[in-house]
Amino acid sequence: MNRYEKTKIKLDKTGIRTYTTTYYPSIPIENSDKFIVTKTGDRLDNLAFKYYGDTTLWWILAKANGIRGKVALAPSEILRIPGNIRNILEKFDDLNRR
């Protein structure tokens, strides 16, 4: 799933193409979540592939853990892996249907 596929494109007054805002749902802690300790070389996209089978879902890991502006992780960080991604993706779709 490309997180931008639902982002709408519009033209501004001068005809320049712009994108609307993409909204992300809050991701509360649930019993199905896992917690891991990161290792050297871990990255959000690789972990998304390992746990979800899709590198484009890295934003779920970032949002759930309050990570902004980086993809690579330091070793020995505790990272939450949300378990119920179906619910997260449904909330994402609902927020971006506008």
C-alpha atoms as a PDB file:
ATOM      1  CA  MET A   1       0.000   0.000   0.000  1.00  0.00           C
ATOM      2  CA  ASN A   2       1.422   3.333  -1.018  1.00  0.00           C
ATOM      3  CA  ARG A   3       0.560   5.807   1.724  1.00  0.00           C
ATOM      4  CA  TYR A   4       0.150   8.566  -0.870  1.00  0.00           C
ATOM      5  CA  GLU A   5      -2.263   6.717  -3.160  1.00  0.00           C
ATOM      6  CA  LYS A   6      -5.232   8.269  -1.364  1.00  0.00           C
ATOM      7  CA  THR A   7      -3.688  11.745  -1.199  1.00  0.00           C
ATOM      8  CA  LYS A   8      -5.645  13.998  -3.518  1.00  0.00           C
ATOM      9  CA  ILE A   9      -3.936  16.197  -6.094  1.00  0.00           C
ATOM     10  CA  LYS A  10      -5.282  19.636  -6.852  1.00  0.00           C
ATOM     11  CA  LEU A  11      -4.235  22.602  -8.956  1.00  0.00           C
ATOM     12  CA  ASP A  12      -3.600  25.941  -7.313  1.00  0.00           C
ATOM     13  CA  LYS A  13      -4.673  29.267  -8.871  1.00  0.00           C
ATOM     14  CA  THR A  14      -1.594  29.351 -11.100  1.00  0.00           C
ATOM     15  CA  GLY A  15      -2.112  25.802 -12.363  1.00  0.00           C
ATOM     16  CA  ILE A  16       0.655  24.225 -10.278  1.00  0.00           C
ATOM     17  CA  ARG A  17      -0.116  20.735  -9.023  1.00  0.00           C
ATOM     18  CA  THR A  18      -0.172  20.409  -5.221  1.00  0.00           C
ATOM     19  CA  TYR A  19      -1.051  17.616  -2.832  1.00  0.00           C
ATOM     20  CA  THR A  20      -3.606  17.807  -0.065  1.00  0.00           C
ATOM     21  CA  THR A  21      -2.689  16.860   3.488  1.00  0.00           C
ATOM     22  CA  THR A  22      -2.348  13.181   4.356  1.00  0.00           C
ATOM     23  CA  TYR A  23      -3.822  12.409   7.781  1.00  0.00           C
ATOM     24  CA  TYR A  24      -2.531   9.608  10.001  1.00  0.00           C
ATOM     25  CA  PRO A  25      -4.586   7.925  12.733  1.00  0.00           C
ATOM     26  CA  SER A  26      -3.472   7.675  16.328  1.00  0.00           C
ATOM     27  CA  ILE A  27      -2.223   4.194  17.144  1.00  0.00           C
ATOM     28  CA  PRO A  28      -3.075   3.258  20.738  1.00  0.00           C
ATOM     29  CA  ILE A  29      -1.327   0.383  22.479  1.00  0.00           C
ATOM     30  CA  GLU A  30      -3.178  -2.936  22.140  1.00  0.00           C
ATOM     31  CA  ASN A  31      -2.648  -6.440  23.494  1.00  0.00           C
ATOM     32  CA  SER A  32      -1.631  -7.649  20.020  1.00  0.00           C
ATOM     33  CA  ASP A  33       1.382  -5.291  19.902  1.00  0.00           C
ATOM     34  CA  LYS A  34       4.929  -6.665  20.110  1.00  0.00           C
ATOM     35  CA  PHE A  35       7.957  -4.923  21.530  1.00  0.00           C
ATOM     36  CA  ILE A  36      11.418  -5.507  20.131  1.00  0.00           C
ATOM     37  CA  VAL A  37      14.908  -4.234  20.864  1.00  0.00           C
ATOM     38  CA  THR A  38      16.505  -2.820  17.717  1.00  0.00           C
ATOM     39  CA  LYS A  39      19.821  -4.045  16.393  1.00  0.00           C
ATOM     40  CA  THR A  40      22.529  -2.294  14.417  1.00  0.00           C
ATOM     41  CA  GLY A  41      21.283  -1.683  10.889  1.00  0.00           C
ATOM     42  CA  ASP A  42      17.557  -1.870  11.671  1.00  0.00           C
ATOM     43  CA  ARG A  43      15.412   0.462   9.602  1.00  0.00           C
ATOM     44  CA  LEU A  44      11.705   1.191   9.693  1.00  0.00           C
ATOM     45  CA  ASP A  45      11.113  -0.002   6.138  1.00  0.00           C
ATOM     46  CA  ASN A  46      12.935  -3.295   6.681  1.00  0.00           C
ATOM     47  CA  LEU A  47      11.087  -3.929   9.937  1.00  0.00           C
ATOM     48  CA  ALA A  48       7.769  -3.147   8.213  1.00  0.00           C
ATOM     49  CA  PHE A  49       8.607  -5.782   5.618  1.00  0.00           C
ATOM     50  CA  LYS A  50       9.613  -8.297   8.296  1.00  0.00           C
ATOM     51  CA  TYR A  51       6.429  -7.868  10.362  1.00  0.00           C
ATOM     52  CA  TYR A  52       3.855  -6.799   7.728  1.00  0.00           C
ATOM     53  CA  GLY A  53       5.296  -8.020   4.424  1.00  0.00           C
ATOM     54  CA  ASP A  54       5.197  -4.472   3.007  1.00  0.00           C
ATOM     55  CA  THR A  55       7.969  -1.859   3.198  1.00  0.00           C
ATOM     56  CA  THR A  56       5.538   0.995   2.534  1.00  0.00           C
ATOM     57  CA  LEU A  57       3.935   0.464   5.949  1.00  0.00           C
ATOM     58  CA  TRP A  58       6.988   1.915   7.701  1.00  0.00           C
ATOM     59  CA  TRP A  59       4.880   4.936   8.638  1.00  0.00           C
ATOM     60  CA  ILE A  60       2.850   2.750  11.031  1.00  0.00           C
ATOM     61  CA  LEU A  61       5.999   1.980  13.015  1.00  0.00           C
ATOM     62  CA  ALA A  62       7.038   5.632  12.928  1.00  0.00           C
ATOM     63  CA  LYS A  63       3.638   6.905  14.087  1.00  0.00           C
ATOM     64  CA  ALA A  64       3.282   4.261  16.819  1.00  0.00           C
ATOM     65  CA  ASN A  65       6.697   5.125  18.230  1.00  0.00           C
ATOM     66  CA  GLY A  66       6.710   8.903  17.770  1.00  0.00           C
ATOM     67  CA  ILE A  67       9.574   8.774  15.269  1.00  0.00           C
ATOM     68  CA  ARG A  68       9.926  11.718  12.899  1.00  0.00           C
ATOM     69  CA  GLY A  69      12.556  12.569  10.345  1.00  0.00           C
ATOM     70  CA  LYS A  70      14.516   9.328  10.292  1.00  0.00           C
ATOM     71  CA  VAL A  71      14.287   5.833   8.912  1.00  0.00           C
ATOM     72  CA  ALA A  72      17.410   4.246  10.438  1.00  0.00           C
ATOM     73  CA  LEU A  73      17.239   3.279  14.095  1.00  0.00           C
ATOM     74  CA  ALA A  74      19.911   3.232  16.766  1.00  0.00           C
ATOM     75  CA  PRO A  75      20.710  -0.137  18.326  1.00  0.00           C
ATOM     76  CA  SER A  76      19.073  -1.033  21.660  1.00  0.00           C
ATOM     77  CA  GLU A  77      15.954   1.108  21.156  1.00  0.00           C
ATOM     78  CA  ILE A  78      12.682  -0.440  22.309  1.00  0.00           C
ATOM     79  CA  LEU A  79      10.281  -0.345  19.377  1.00  0.00           C
ATOM     80  CA  ARG A  80       6.570  -1.113  19.446  1.00  0.00           C
ATOM     81  CA  ILE A  81       5.239  -3.174  16.536  1.00  0.00           C
ATOM     82  CA  PRO A  82       1.443  -2.666  16.315  1.00  0.00           C
ATOM     83  CA  GLY A  83      -0.317  -5.962  15.764  1.00  0.00           C
ATOM     84  CA  ASN A  84      -3.718  -4.965  14.402  1.00  0.00           C
ATOM     85  CA  ILE A  85      -2.714  -3.172  11.210  1.00  0.00           C
ATOM     86  CA  ARG A  86      -6.058  -3.867   9.524  1.00  0.00           C
ATOM     87  CA  ASN A  87      -7.716  -1.533  12.025  1.00  0.00           C
ATOM     88  CA  ILE A  88      -4.978   1.084  11.548  1.00  0.00           C
ATOM     89  CA  LEU A  89      -5.321   0.984   7.760  1.00  0.00           C
ATOM     90  CA  GLU A  90      -9.116   1.298   7.989  1.00  0.00           C
ATOM     91  CA  LYS A  91      -8.732   4.388  10.194  1.00  0.00           C
ATOM     92  CA  PHE A  92      -6.174   5.773   7.723  1.00  0.00           C
ATOM     93  CA  ASP A  93      -8.611   5.265   4.847  1.00  0.00           C
ATOM     94  CA  ASP A  94     -11.453   6.897   6.784  1.00  0.00           C
ATOM     95  CA  LEU A  95      -9.332   9.981   7.580  1.00  0.00           C
ATOM     96  CA  ASN A  96      -8.258  10.441   3.958  1.00  0.00           C
ATOM     97  CA  ARG A  97     -11.558   9.874   2.111  1.00  0.00           C
ATOM     98  CA  ARG A  98     -12.442  13.557   2.175  1.00  0.00           C
END
